[in-house]
Amino acid sequence: MMGSMRMLRRALSTSAKPEYPSSFFSHLKNRKLNVFNIGMTVLTLSLSMQLVAMKQEKEAVVAENNVLSKRIAKLENRLADFNVKVLTDEEEAAEKEAEAMRKLDQELEERAKNAPKKKGVMI
């Protein structure tokens, strides 16, 4: 009975898992040297270098954007001190549309002034 329990316990227990490598190079030591593994190593290193470069670029852009946003806030405060209103893109588009409508209204008024005064059918 005791022997069968040991056998059952051995059968149900999982084998010891190998340690997860702590670095990429220690992982490579345990692999066979063939063309596929060399290619995968080169690809992995290339992709990791690209990821690091992109992360550094992103951090630089974020830092630059923070500096620029602080400068813009200072400029907007200075303009507010001089009572100058800074328009957003939407407000600027609405302003242009309103100006176009004013010009169209003026043209229509000029046409109406220059229109013939007689009422009748023109043939």
PDB file of N, CA and C in Angstrom:
ATOM      1  N   MET A   1       0.823  -1.183   0.000  1.00  0.00           N
ATOM      2  CA  MET A   1       0.000   0.000   0.000  1.00  0.00           C
ATOM      3  C   MET A   1       0.870   1.250   0.000  1.00  0.00           C
ATOM      4  N   MET A   2       1.859   1.273   0.853  1.00  0.00           N
ATOM      5  CA  MET A   2       2.736   2.422   0.939  1.00  0.00           C
ATOM      6  C   MET A   2       3.518   2.590  -0.355  1.00  0.00           C
ATOM      7  N   GLY A   3       3.927   1.523  -0.949  1.00  0.00           N
ATOM      8  CA  GLY A   3       4.687   1.576  -2.199  1.00  0.00           C
ATOM      9  C   GLY A   3       3.829   2.104  -3.334  1.00  0.00           C
ATOM     10  N   SER A   4       2.560   1.701  -3.348  1.00  0.00           N
ATOM     11  CA  SER A   4       1.673   2.196  -4.411  1.00  0.00           C
ATOM     12  C   SER A   4       1.386   3.685  -4.236  1.00  0.00           C
ATOM     13  N   MET A   5       1.341   4.160  -2.993  1.00  0.00           N
ATOM     14  CA  MET A   5       1.127   5.592  -2.753  1.00  0.00           C
ATOM     15  C   MET A   5       2.308   6.400  -3.268  1.00  0.00           C
ATOM     16  N   ARG A   6       3.525   5.858  -3.038  1.00  0.00           N
ATOM     17  CA  ARG A   6       4.707   6.559  -3.539  1.00  0.00           C
ATOM     18  C   ARG A   6       4.696   6.624  -5.059  1.00  0.00           C
ATOM     19  N   MET A   7       4.325   5.528  -5.681  1.00  0.00           N
ATOM     20  CA  MET A   7       4.296   5.488  -7.150  1.00  0.00           C
ATOM     21  C   MET A   7       3.234   6.444  -7.686  1.00  0.00           C
ATOM     22  N   LEU A   8       2.097   6.469  -7.004  1.00  0.00           N
ATOM     23  CA  LEU A   8       1.026   7.364  -7.419  1.00  0.00           C
ATOM     24  C   LEU A   8       1.454   8.822  -7.248  1.00  0.00           C
ATOM     25  N   ARG A   9       2.114   9.108  -6.126  1.00  0.00           N
ATOM     26  CA  ARG A   9       2.582  10.465  -5.872  1.00  0.00           C
ATOM     27  C   ARG A   9       3.624  10.879  -6.919  1.00  0.00           C
ATOM     28  N   ARG A  10       4.536   9.972  -7.281  1.00  0.00           N
ATOM     29  CA  ARG A  10       5.538  10.267  -8.305  1.00  0.00           C
ATOM     30  C   ARG A  10       4.890  10.492  -9.662  1.00  0.00           C
ATOM     31  N   ALA A  11       3.885   9.701  -9.964  1.00  0.00           N
ATOM     32  CA  ALA A  11       3.218   9.813 -11.264  1.00  0.00           C
ATOM     33  C   ALA A  11       2.451  11.124 -11.374  1.00  0.00           C
ATOM     34  N   LEU A  12       1.840  11.561 -10.279  1.00  0.00           N
ATOM     35  CA  LEU A  12       1.045  12.779 -10.315  1.00  0.00           C
ATOM     36  C   LEU A  12       1.872  14.046 -10.126  1.00  0.00           C
ATOM     37  N   SER A  13       3.049  13.916  -9.552  1.00  0.00           N
ATOM     38  CA  SER A  13       3.854  15.116  -9.318  1.00  0.00           C
ATOM     39  C   SER A  13       4.495  15.559 -10.633  1.00  0.00           C
ATOM     40  N   THR A  14       4.710  16.854 -10.733  1.00  0.00           N
ATOM     41  CA  THR A  14       5.336  17.398 -11.942  1.00  0.00           C
ATOM     42  C   THR A  14       6.842  17.368 -11.774  1.00  0.00           C
ATOM     43  N   SER A  15       7.520  17.293 -12.894  1.00  0.00           N
ATOM     44  CA  SER A  15       8.974  17.276 -12.835  1.00  0.00           C
ATOM     45  C   SER A  15       9.475  18.672 -12.487  1.00  0.00           C
ATOM     46  N   ALA A  16      10.676  18.732 -11.998  1.00  0.00           N
ATOM     47  CA  ALA A  16      11.250  20.018 -11.610  1.00  0.00           C
ATOM     48  C   ALA A  16      11.435  20.879 -12.856  1.00  0.00           C
ATOM     49  N   LYS A  17      10.976  22.097 -12.771  1.00  0.00           N
ATOM     50  CA  LYS A  17      11.086  23.004 -13.914  1.00  0.00           C
ATOM     51  C   LYS A  17      12.471  23.630 -13.911  1.00  0.00           C
ATOM     52  N   PRO A  18      13.042  23.781 -15.098  1.00  0.00           N
ATOM     53  CA  PRO A  18      14.351  24.433 -15.138  1.00  0.00           C
ATOM     54  C   PRO A  18      14.212  25.898 -14.755  1.00  0.00           C
ATOM     55  N   GLU A  19      15.288  26.440 -14.205  1.00  0.00           N
ATOM     56  CA  GLU A  19      15.254  27.838 -13.787  1.00  0.00           C
ATOM     57  C   GLU A  19      15.120  28.741 -14.995  1.00  0.00           C
ATOM     58  N   TYR A  20      14.343  29.783 -14.835  1.00  0.00           N
ATOM     59  CA  TYR A  20      14.189  30.763 -15.912  1.00  0.00           C
ATOM     60  C   TYR A  20      15.481  31.568 -15.989  1.00  0.00           C
ATOM     61  N   PRO A  21      16.022  31.731 -17.195  1.00  0.00           N
ATOM     62  CA  PRO A  21      17.306  32.444 -17.301  1.00  0.00           C
ATOM     63  C   PRO A  21      17.175  33.899 -16.851  1.00  0.00           C
ATOM     64  N   SER A  22      18.196  34.358 -16.170  1.00  0.00           N
ATOM     65  CA  SER A  22      18.156  35.725 -15.654  1.00  0.00           C
ATOM     66  C   SER A  22      18.591  36.735 -16.697  1.00  0.00           C
ATOM     67  N   SER A  23      19.315  36.303 -17.710  1.00  0.00           N
ATOM     68  CA  SER A  23      19.711  37.225 -18.771  1.00  0.00           C
ATOM     69  C   SER A  23      19.616  36.519 -20.116  1.00  0.00           C
ATOM     70  N   PHE A  24      19.636  37.313 -21.155  1.00  0.00           N
ATOM     71  CA  PHE A  24      19.522  36.770 -22.507  1.00  0.00           C
ATOM     72  C   PHE A  24      20.742  35.911 -22.840  1.00  0.00           C
ATOM     73  N   PHE A  25      21.916  36.348 -22.419  1.00  0.00           N
ATOM     74  CA  PHE A  25      23.134  35.614 -22.753  1.00  0.00           C
ATOM     75  C   PHE A  25      23.233  34.302 -21.984  1.00  0.00           C
ATOM     76  N   SER A  26      22.747  34.256 -20.755  1.00  0.00           N
ATOM     77  CA  SER A  26      22.743  32.984 -20.034  1.00  0.00           C
ATOM     78  C   SER A  26      21.752  32.022 -20.683  1.00  0.00           C
ATOM     79  N   HIS A  27      20.712  32.566 -21.276  1.00  0.00           N
ATOM     80  CA  HIS A  27      19.760  31.737 -22.011  1.00  0.00           C
ATOM     81  C   HIS A  27      20.433  31.145 -23.249  1.00  0.00           C
ATOM     82  N   LEU A  28      21.284  31.932 -23.911  1.00  0.00           N
ATOM     83  CA  LEU A  28      21.957  31.450 -25.122  1.00  0.00           C
ATOM     84  C   LEU A  28      22.962  30.347 -24.823  1.00  0.00           C
ATOM     85  N   LYS A  29      23.539  30.344 -23.629  1.00  0.00           N
ATOM     86  CA  LYS A  29      24.526  29.320 -23.276  1.00  0.00           C
ATOM     87  C   LYS A  29      23.907  27.925 -23.308  1.00  0.00           C
ATOM     88  N   ASN A  30      22.623  27.836 -23.005  1.00  0.00           N
ATOM     89  CA  ASN A  30      21.960  26.537 -22.914  1.00  0.00           C
ATOM     90  C   ASN A  30      21.404  26.063 -24.250  1.00  0.00           C
ATOM     91  N   ARG A  31      21.535  26.834 -25.307  1.00  0.00           N
ATOM     92  CA  ARG A  31      20.968  26.478 -26.606  1.00  0.00           C
ATOM     93  C   ARG A  31      22.034  25.915 -27.533  1.00  0.00           C
ATOM     94  N   LYS A  32      21.574  25.082 -28.460  1.00  0.00           N
ATOM     95  CA  LYS A  32      22.482  24.569 -29.481  1.00  0.00           C
ATOM     96  C   LYS A  32      22.807  25.683 -30.464  1.00  0.00           C
ATOM     97  N   LEU A  33      23.973  25.593 -31.054  1.00  0.00           N
ATOM     98  CA  LEU A  33      24.412  26.600 -32.012  1.00  0.00           C
ATOM     99  C   LEU A  33      24.032  26.130 -33.414  1.00  0.00           C
ATOM    100  N   ASN A  34      22.981  26.725 -33.988  1.00  0.00           N
ATOM    101  CA  ASN A  34      22.623  26.447 -35.373  1.00  0.00           C
ATOM    102  C   ASN A  34      22.149  27.746 -36.019  1.00  0.00           C
ATOM    103  N   VAL A  35      21.895  27.681 -37.307  1.00  0.00           N
ATOM    104  CA  VAL A  35      21.560  28.888 -38.060  1.00  0.00           C
ATOM    105  C   VAL A  35      20.262  29.513 -37.555  1.00  0.00           C
ATOM    106  N   PHE A  36      19.284  28.698 -37.240  1.00  0.00           N
ATOM    107  CA  PHE A  36      18.006  29.228 -36.775  1.00  0.00           C
ATOM    108  C   PHE A  36      18.181  29.999 -35.468  1.00  0.00           C
ATOM    109  N   ASN A  37      18.890  29.401 -34.515  1.00  0.00           N
ATOM    110  CA  ASN A  37      19.078  30.070 -33.223  1.00  0.00           C
ATOM    111  C   ASN A  37      19.900  31.348 -33.361  1.00  0.00           C
ATOM    112  N   ILE A  38      20.898  31.334 -34.253  1.00  0.00           N
ATOM    113  CA  ILE A  38      21.687  32.547 -34.485  1.00  0.00           C
ATOM    114  C   ILE A  38      20.801  33.626 -35.090  1.00  0.00           C
ATOM    115  N   GLY A  39      19.962  33.255 -36.059  1.00  0.00           N
ATOM    116  CA  GLY A  39      19.046  34.211 -36.684  1.00  0.00           C
ATOM    117  C   GLY A  39      18.064  34.785 -35.682  1.00  0.00           C
ATOM    118  N   MET A  40      17.524  33.932 -34.829  1.00  0.00           N
ATOM    119  CA  MET A  40      16.582  34.402 -33.817  1.00  0.00           C
ATOM    120  C   MET A  40      17.277  35.327 -32.815  1.00  0.00           C
ATOM    121  N   THR A  41      18.535  35.025 -32.496  1.00  0.00           N
ATOM    122  CA  THR A  41      19.292  35.881 -31.582  1.00  0.00           C
ATOM    123  C   THR A  41      19.503  37.259 -32.183  1.00  0.00           C
ATOM    124  N   VAL A  42      19.917  37.288 -33.452  1.00  0.00           N
ATOM    125  CA  VAL A  42      20.141  38.570 -34.127  1.00  0.00           C
ATOM    126  C   VAL A  42      18.835  39.350 -34.217  1.00  0.00           C
ATOM    127  N   LEU A  43      17.753  38.670 -34.579  1.00  0.00           N
ATOM    128  CA  LEU A  43      16.453  39.325 -34.682  1.00  0.00           C
ATOM    129  C   LEU A  43      16.005  39.875 -33.327  1.00  0.00           C
ATOM    130  N   THR A  44      16.166  39.094 -32.281  1.00  0.00           N
ATOM    131  CA  THR A  44      15.771  39.533 -30.945  1.00  0.00           C
ATOM    132  C   THR A  44      16.571  40.750 -30.499  1.00  0.00           C
ATOM    133  N   LEU A  45      17.877  40.707 -30.713  1.00  0.00           N
ATOM    134  CA  LEU A  45      18.710  41.846 -30.324  1.00  0.00           C
ATOM    135  C   LEU A  45      18.363  43.086 -31.132  1.00  0.00           C
ATOM    136  N   SER A  46      18.099  42.903 -32.428  1.00  0.00           N
ATOM    137  CA  SER A  46      17.743  44.035 -33.283  1.00  0.00           C
ATOM    138  C   SER A  46      16.435  44.669 -32.826  1.00  0.00           C
ATOM    139  N   LEU A  47      15.443  43.837 -32.560  1.00  0.00           N
ATOM    140  CA  LEU A  47      14.149  44.359 -32.118  1.00  0.00           C
ATOM    141  C   LEU A  47      14.251  45.040 -30.757  1.00  0.00           C
ATOM    142  N   SER A  48      15.049  44.470 -29.865  1.00  0.00           N
ATOM    143  CA  SER A  48      15.176  45.096 -28.546  1.00  0.00           C
ATOM    144  C   SER A  48      15.895  46.436 -28.653  1.00  0.00           C
ATOM    145  N   MET A  49      16.887  46.549 -29.547  1.00  0.00           N
ATOM    146  CA  MET A  49      17.561  47.836 -29.743  1.00  0.00           C
ATOM    147  C   MET A  49      16.594  48.858 -30.322  1.00  0.00           C
ATOM    148  N   GLN A  50      15.744  48.435 -31.253  1.00  0.00           N
ATOM    149  CA  GLN A  50      14.758  49.349 -31.830  1.00  0.00           C
ATOM    150  C   GLN A  50      13.757  49.806 -30.771  1.00  0.00           C
ATOM    151  N   LEU A  51      13.332  48.886 -29.914  1.00  0.00           N
ATOM    152  CA  LEU A  51      12.392  49.248 -28.848  1.00  0.00           C
ATOM    153  C   LEU A  51      13.006  50.262 -27.890  1.00  0.00           C
ATOM    154  N   VAL A  52      14.251  50.053 -27.534  1.00  0.00           N
ATOM    155  CA  VAL A  52      14.924  50.989 -26.627  1.00  0.00           C
ATOM    156  C   VAL A  52      15.060  52.351 -27.287  1.00  0.00           C
ATOM    157  N   ALA A  53      15.435  52.371 -28.576  1.00  0.00           N
ATOM    158  CA  ALA A  53      15.589  53.647 -29.287  1.00  0.00           C
ATOM    159  C   ALA A  53      14.254  54.380 -29.377  1.00  0.00           C
ATOM    160  N   MET A  54      13.178  53.657 -29.690  1.00  0.00           N
ATOM    161  CA  MET A  54      11.856  54.282 -29.787  1.00  0.00           C
ATOM    162  C   MET A  54      11.394  54.805 -28.427  1.00  0.00           C
ATOM    163  N   LYS A  55      11.680  54.066 -27.370  1.00  0.00           N
ATOM    164  CA  LYS A  55      11.294  54.512 -26.032  1.00  0.00           C
ATOM    165  C   LYS A  55      12.031  55.797 -25.675  1.00  0.00           C
ATOM    166  N   GLN A  56      13.316  55.857 -26.005  1.00  0.00           N
ATOM    167  CA  GLN A  56      14.089  57.070 -25.713  1.00  0.00           C
ATOM    168  C   GLN A  56      13.581  58.251 -26.531  1.00  0.00           C
ATOM    169  N   GLU A  57      13.243  58.014 -27.808  1.00  0.00           N
ATOM    170  CA  GLU A  57      12.691  59.087 -28.644  1.00  0.00           C
ATOM    171  C   GLU A  57      11.369  59.589 -28.075  1.00  0.00           C
ATOM    172  N   LYS A  58      10.519  58.651 -27.644  1.00  0.00           N
ATOM    173  CA  LYS A  58       9.221  59.034 -27.085  1.00  0.00           C
ATOM    174  C   LYS A  58       9.404  59.868 -25.823  1.00  0.00           C
ATOM    175  N   GLU A  59      10.317  59.451 -24.960  1.00  0.00           N
ATOM    176  CA  GLU A  59      10.569  60.212 -23.733  1.00  0.00           C
ATOM    177  C   GLU A  59      11.086  61.608 -24.053  1.00  0.00           C
ATOM    178  N   ALA A  60      11.947  61.722 -25.078  1.00  0.00           N
ATOM    179  CA  ALA A  60      12.469  63.036 -25.468  1.00  0.00           C
ATOM    180  C   ALA A  60      11.350  63.927 -25.990  1.00  0.00           C
ATOM    181  N   VAL A  61      10.450  63.353 -26.798  1.00  0.00           N
ATOM    182  CA  VAL A  61       9.334  64.132 -27.348  1.00  0.00           C
ATOM    183  C   VAL A  61       8.384  64.564 -26.235  1.00  0.00           C
ATOM    184  N   VAL A  62       8.110  63.681 -25.298  1.00  0.00           N
ATOM    185  CA  VAL A  62       7.223  64.028 -24.184  1.00  0.00           C
ATOM    186  C   VAL A  62       7.842  65.149 -23.345  1.00  0.00           C
ATOM    187  N   ALA A  63       9.142  65.063 -23.095  1.00  0.00           N
ATOM    188  CA  ALA A  63       9.810  66.121 -22.319  1.00  0.00           C
ATOM    189  C   ALA A  63       9.761  67.446 -23.068  1.00  0.00           C
ATOM    190  N   GLU A  64      10.001  67.401 -24.384  1.00  0.00           N
ATOM    191  CA  GLU A  64       9.951  68.625 -25.188  1.00  0.00           C
ATOM    192  C   GLU A  64       8.537  69.205 -25.206  1.00  0.00           C
ATOM    193  N   ASN A  65       7.529  68.339 -25.320  1.00  0.00           N
ATOM    194  CA  ASN A  65       6.139  68.812 -25.300  1.00  0.00           C
ATOM    195  C   ASN A  65       5.793  69.467 -23.966  1.00  0.00           C
ATOM    196  N   ASN A  66       6.301  68.918 -22.875  1.00  0.00           N
ATOM    197  CA  ASN A  66       6.050  69.533 -21.563  1.00  0.00           C
ATOM    198  C   ASN A  66       6.658  70.925 -21.490  1.00  0.00           C
ATOM    199  N   VAL A  67       7.889  71.061 -21.995  1.00  0.00           N
ATOM    200  CA  VAL A  67       8.547  72.370 -21.982  1.00  0.00           C
ATOM    201  C   VAL A  67       7.767  73.353 -22.846  1.00  0.00           C
ATOM    202  N   LEU A  68       7.362  72.905 -24.046  1.00  0.00           N
ATOM    203  CA  LEU A  68       6.625  73.788 -24.950  1.00  0.00           C
ATOM    204  C   LEU A  68       5.264  74.177 -24.381  1.00  0.00           C
ATOM    205  N   SER A  69       4.593  73.247 -23.721  1.00  0.00           N
ATOM    206  CA  SER A  69       3.280  73.588 -23.147  1.00  0.00           C
ATOM    207  C   SER A  69       3.430  74.610 -22.022  1.00  0.00           C
ATOM    208  N   LYS A  70       4.519  74.513 -21.254  1.00  0.00           N
ATOM    209  CA  LYS A  70       4.760  75.522 -20.213  1.00  0.00           C
ATOM    210  C   LYS A  70       5.018  76.889 -20.835  1.00  0.00           C
ATOM    211  N   ARG A  71       5.785  76.906 -21.925  1.00  0.00           N
ATOM    212  CA  ARG A  71       6.058  78.173 -22.610  1.00  0.00           C
ATOM    213  C   ARG A  71       4.775  78.773 -23.181  1.00  0.00           C
ATOM    214  N   ILE A  72       3.934  77.919 -23.763  1.00  0.00           N
ATOM    215  CA  ILE A  72       2.667  78.397 -24.329  1.00  0.00           C
ATOM    216  C   ILE A  72       1.786  78.975 -23.229  1.00  0.00           C
ATOM    217  N   ALA A  73       1.756  78.311 -22.082  1.00  0.00           N
ATOM    218  CA  ALA A  73       0.954  78.824 -20.960  1.00  0.00           C
ATOM    219  C   ALA A  73       1.461  80.200 -20.523  1.00  0.00           C
ATOM    220  N   LYS A  74       2.788  80.367 -20.482  1.00  0.00           N
ATOM    221  CA  LYS A  74       3.350  81.678 -20.114  1.00  0.00           C
ATOM    222  C   LYS A  74       2.960  82.738 -21.137  1.00  0.00           C
ATOM    223  N   LEU A  75       3.063  82.389 -22.428  1.00  0.00           N
ATOM    224  CA  LEU A  75       2.708  83.348 -23.476  1.00  0.00           C
ATOM    225  C   LEU A  75       1.229  83.717 -23.419  1.00  0.00           C
ATOM    226  N   GLU A  76       0.369  82.735 -23.183  1.00  0.00           N
ATOM    227  CA  GLU A  76      -1.063  83.023 -23.080  1.00  0.00           C
ATOM    228  C   GLU A  76      -1.348  83.932 -21.887  1.00  0.00           C
ATOM    229  N   ASN A  77      -0.633  83.724 -20.792  1.00  0.00           N
ATOM    230  CA  ASN A  77      -0.807  84.604 -19.627  1.00  0.00           C
ATOM    231  C   ASN A  77      -0.372  86.027 -19.948  1.00  0.00           C
ATOM    232  N   ARG A  78       0.746  86.167 -20.660  1.00  0.00           N
ATOM    233  CA  ARG A  78       1.214  87.506 -21.043  1.00  0.00           C
ATOM    234  C   ARG A  78       0.216  88.180 -21.977  1.00  0.00           C
ATOM    235  N   LEU A  79      -0.339  87.422 -22.929  1.00  0.00           N
ATOM    236  CA  LEU A  79      -1.336  87.988 -23.837  1.00  0.00           C
ATOM    237  C   LEU A  79      -2.595  88.387 -23.079  1.00  0.00           C
ATOM    238  N   ALA A  80      -2.959  87.590 -22.085  1.00  0.00           N
ATOM    239  CA  ALA A  80      -4.132  87.932 -21.271  1.00  0.00           C
ATOM    240  C   ALA A  80      -3.882  89.220 -20.490  1.00  0.00           C
ATOM    241  N   ASP A  81      -2.632  89.441 -20.089  1.00  0.00           N
ATOM    242  CA  ASP A  81      -2.296  90.697 -19.400  1.00  0.00           C
ATOM    243  C   ASP A  81      -2.523  91.903 -20.301  1.00  0.00           C
ATOM    244  N   PHE A  82      -2.310  91.720 -21.612  1.00  0.00           N
ATOM    245  CA  PHE A  82      -2.505  92.807 -22.581  1.00  0.00           C
ATOM    246  C   PHE A  82      -3.904  92.801 -23.191  1.00  0.00           C
ATOM    247  N   ASN A  83      -4.816  91.995 -22.634  1.00  0.00           N
ATOM    248  CA  ASN A  83      -6.201  91.869 -23.110  1.00  0.00           C
ATOM    249  C   ASN A  83      -6.284  91.421 -24.569  1.00  0.00           C
ATOM    250  N   VAL A  84      -5.439  90.479 -24.953  1.00  0.00           N
ATOM    251  CA  VAL A  84      -5.466  89.904 -26.300  1.00  0.00           C
ATOM    252  C   VAL A  84      -6.078  88.515 -26.183  1.00  0.00           C
ATOM    253  N   LYS A  85      -7.087  88.253 -27.025  1.00  0.00           N
ATOM    254  CA  LYS A  85      -7.745  86.951 -26.986  1.00  0.00           C
ATOM    255  C   LYS A  85      -7.089  86.035 -28.010  1.00  0.00           C
ATOM    256  N   VAL A  86      -6.719  84.840 -27.585  1.00  0.00           N
ATOM    257  CA  VAL A  86      -6.111  83.844 -28.465  1.00  0.00           C
ATOM    258  C   VAL A  86      -7.209  82.885 -28.900  1.00  0.00           C
ATOM    259  N   LEU A  87      -7.410  82.785 -30.221  1.00  0.00           N
ATOM    260  CA  LEU A  87      -8.469  81.925 -30.753  1.00  0.00           C
ATOM    261  C   LEU A  87      -7.957  80.505 -30.936  1.00  0.00           C
ATOM    262  N   THR A  88      -8.844  79.558 -30.676  1.00  0.00           N
ATOM    263  CA  THR A  88      -8.525  78.167 -30.980  1.00  0.00           C
ATOM    264  C   THR A  88      -8.811  77.925 -32.455  1.00  0.00           C
ATOM    265  N   ASP A  89      -8.462  76.752 -32.946  1.00  0.00           N
ATOM    266  CA  ASP A  89      -8.692  76.435 -34.359  1.00  0.00           C
ATOM    267  C   ASP A  89     -10.174  76.490 -34.708  1.00  0.00           C
ATOM    268  N   GLU A  90     -11.024  75.966 -33.811  1.00  0.00           N
ATOM    269  CA  GLU A  90     -12.462  75.966 -34.076  1.00  0.00           C
ATOM    270  C   GLU A  90     -13.005  77.395 -34.106  1.00  0.00           C
ATOM    271  N   GLU A  91     -12.550  78.199 -33.163  1.00  0.00           N
ATOM    272  CA  GLU A  91     -13.015  79.588 -33.123  1.00  0.00           C
ATOM    273  C   GLU A  91     -12.536  80.353 -34.351  1.00  0.00           C
ATOM    274  N   GLU A  92     -11.310  80.069 -34.787  1.00  0.00           N
ATOM    275  CA  GLU A  92     -10.778  80.736 -35.974  1.00  0.00           C
ATOM    276  C   GLU A  92     -11.567  80.331 -37.217  1.00  0.00           C
ATOM    277  N   ALA A  93     -11.930  79.049 -37.334  1.00  0.00           N
ATOM    278  CA  ALA A  93     -12.728  78.589 -38.471  1.00  0.00           C
ATOM    279  C   ALA A  93     -14.110  79.239 -38.442  1.00  0.00           C
ATOM    280  N   ALA A  94     -14.718  79.349 -37.266  1.00  0.00           N
ATOM    281  CA  ALA A  94     -16.028  79.990 -37.148  1.00  0.00           C
ATOM    282  C   ALA A  94     -15.933  81.462 -37.520  1.00  0.00           C
ATOM    283  N   GLU A  95     -14.833  82.110 -37.138  1.00  0.00           N
ATOM    284  CA  GLU A  95     -14.619  83.525 -37.472  1.00  0.00           C
ATOM    285  C   GLU A  95     -14.514  83.713 -38.988  1.00  0.00           C
ATOM    286  N   LYS A  96     -13.773  82.823 -39.646  1.00  0.00           N
ATOM    287  CA  LYS A  96     -13.632  82.906 -41.109  1.00  0.00           C
ATOM    288  C   LYS A  96     -14.974  82.687 -41.798  1.00  0.00           C
ATOM    289  N   GLU A  97     -15.739  81.729 -41.296  1.00  0.00           N
ATOM    290  CA  GLU A  97     -17.053  81.452 -41.881  1.00  0.00           C
ATOM    291  C   GLU A  97     -17.984  82.647 -41.698  1.00  0.00           C
ATOM    292  N   ALA A  98     -17.947  83.261 -40.533  1.00  0.00           N
ATOM    293  CA  ALA A  98     -18.782  84.439 -40.280  1.00  0.00           C
ATOM    294  C   ALA A  98     -18.372  85.593 -41.197  1.00  0.00           C
ATOM    295  N   GLU A  99     -17.069  85.764 -41.419  1.00  0.00           N
ATOM    296  CA  GLU A  99     -16.582  86.821 -42.321  1.00  0.00           C
ATOM    297  C   GLU A  99     -17.041  86.562 -43.753  1.00  0.00           C
ATOM    298  N   ALA A 100     -16.998  85.305 -44.181  1.00  0.00           N
ATOM    299  CA  ALA A 100     -17.471  84.962 -45.527  1.00  0.00           C
ATOM    300  C   ALA A 100     -18.968  85.252 -45.656  1.00  0.00           C
ATOM    301  N   MET A 101     -19.739  84.955 -44.618  1.00  0.00           N
ATOM    302  CA  MET A 101     -21.179  85.229 -44.652  1.00  0.00           C
ATOM    303  C   MET A 101     -21.439  86.741 -44.701  1.00  0.00           C
ATOM    304  N   ARG A 102     -20.648  87.532 -43.967  1.00  0.00           N
ATOM    305  CA  ARG A 102     -20.802  88.992 -44.009  1.00  0.00           C
ATOM    306  C   ARG A 102     -20.527  89.534 -45.408  1.00  0.00           C
ATOM    307  N   LYS A 103     -19.483  89.023 -46.050  1.00  0.00           N
ATOM    308  CA  LYS A 103     -19.160  89.468 -47.412  1.00  0.00           C
ATOM    309  C   LYS A 103     -20.288  89.112 -48.374  1.00  0.00           C
ATOM    310  N   LEU A 104     -20.834  87.915 -48.236  1.00  0.00           N
ATOM    311  CA  LEU A 104     -21.930  87.479 -49.099  1.00  0.00           C
ATOM    312  C   LEU A 104     -23.156  88.360 -48.882  1.00  0.00           C
ATOM    313  N   ASP A 105     -23.461  88.679 -47.629  1.00  0.00           N
ATOM    314  CA  ASP A 105     -24.594  89.568 -47.334  1.00  0.00           C
ATOM    315  C   ASP A 105     -24.385  90.950 -47.947  1.00  0.00           C
ATOM    316  N   GLN A 106     -23.160  91.470 -47.867  1.00  0.00           N
ATOM    317  CA  GLN A 106     -22.869  92.779 -48.450  1.00  0.00           C
ATOM    318  C   GLN A 106     -23.051  92.751 -49.968  1.00  0.00           C
ATOM    319  N   GLU A 107     -22.588  91.686 -50.606  1.00  0.00           N
ATOM    320  CA  GLU A 107     -22.750  91.564 -52.060  1.00  0.00           C
ATOM    321  C   GLU A 107     -24.225  91.511 -52.436  1.00  0.00           C
ATOM    322  N   LEU A 108     -25.012  90.761 -51.671  1.00  0.00           N
ATOM    323  CA  LEU A 108     -26.442  90.668 -51.962  1.00  0.00           C
ATOM    324  C   LEU A 108     -27.134  92.017 -51.759  1.00  0.00           C
ATOM    325  N   GLU A 109     -26.722  92.761 -50.738  1.00  0.00           N
ATOM    326  CA  GLU A 109     -27.296  94.091 -50.518  1.00  0.00           C
ATOM    327  C   GLU A 109     -26.941  95.036 -51.665  1.00  0.00           C
ATOM    328  N   GLU A 110     -25.707  94.959 -52.158  1.00  0.00           N
ATOM    329  CA  GLU A 110     -25.290  95.793 -53.298  1.00  0.00           C
ATOM    330  C   GLU A 110     -26.107  95.441 -54.536  1.00  0.00           C
ATOM    331  N   ARG A 111     -26.324  94.167 -54.767  1.00  0.00           N
ATOM    332  CA  ARG A 111     -27.139  93.751 -55.921  1.00  0.00           C
ATOM    333  C   ARG A 111     -28.566  94.262 -55.771  1.00  0.00           C
ATOM    334  N   ALA A 112     -29.077  94.175 -54.535  1.00  0.00           N
ATOM    335  CA  ALA A 112     -30.450  94.633 -54.304  1.00  0.00           C
ATOM    336  C   ALA A 112     -30.559  96.140 -54.529  1.00  0.00           C
ATOM    337  N   LYS A 113     -29.544  96.905 -54.168  1.00  0.00           N
ATOM    338  CA  LYS A 113     -29.558  98.353 -54.389  1.00  0.00           C
ATOM    339  C   LYS A 113     -29.491  98.686 -55.871  1.00  0.00           C
ATOM    340  N   ASN A 114     -28.739  97.904 -56.610  1.00  0.00           N
ATOM    341  CA  ASN A 114     -28.550  98.166 -58.037  1.00  0.00           C
ATOM    342  C   ASN A 114     -29.632  97.531 -58.907  1.00  0.00           C
ATOM    343  N   ALA A 115     -30.535  96.793 -58.298  1.00  0.00           N
ATOM    344  CA  ALA A 115     -31.596  96.134 -59.067  1.00  0.00           C
ATOM    345  C   ALA A 115     -32.551  97.201 -59.613  1.00  0.00           C
ATOM    346  N   PRO A 116     -33.201  96.908 -60.750  1.00  0.00           N
ATOM    347  CA  PRO A 116     -34.161  97.870 -61.305  1.00  0.00           C
ATOM    348  C   PRO A 116     -35.317  98.112 -60.336  1.00  0.00           C
ATOM    349  N   LYS A 117     -35.798  99.367 -60.309  1.00  0.00           N
ATOM    350  CA  LYS A 117     -36.847  99.755 -59.365  1.00  0.00           C
ATOM    351  C   LYS A 117     -38.245  99.399 -59.865  1.00  0.00           C
ATOM    352  N   LYS A 118     -38.388  99.202 -61.152  1.00  0.00           N
ATOM    353  CA  LYS A 118     -39.709  98.900 -61.717  1.00  0.00           C
ATOM    354  C   LYS A 118     -40.130  97.495 -61.360  1.00  0.00           C
ATOM    355  N   LYS A 119     -41.389  97.382 -61.076  1.00  0.00           N
ATOM    356  CA  LYS A 119     -41.934  96.062 -60.847  1.00  0.00           C
ATOM    357  C   LYS A 119     -42.608  95.648 -62.134  1.00  0.00           C
ATOM    358  N   GLY A 120     -42.316  94.518 -62.556  1.00  0.00           N
ATOM    359  CA  GLY A 120     -42.946  94.053 -63.772  1.00  0.00           C
ATOM    360  C   GLY A 120     -42.235  92.807 -64.252  1.00  0.00           C
ATOM    361  N   VAL A 121     -42.744  92.324 -65.340  1.00  0.00           N
ATOM    362  CA  VAL A 121     -42.184  91.115 -65.906  1.00  0.00           C
ATOM    363  C   VAL A 121     -41.127  91.507 -66.921  1.00  0.00           C
ATOM    364  N   MET A 122     -39.975  90.969 -66.769  1.00  0.00           N
ATOM    365  CA  MET A 122     -38.903  91.243 -67.724  1.00  0.00           C
ATOM    366  C   MET A 122     -38.869  90.117 -68.731  1.00  0.00           C
ATOM    367  N   ILE A 123     -38.870  90.504 -70.012  1.00  0.00           N
ATOM    368  CA  ILE A 123     -38.869  89.493 -71.066  1.00  0.00           C
ATOM    369  C   ILE A 123     -37.583  89.573 -71.838  1.00  0.00           C
TER     370      ILE A 123
END
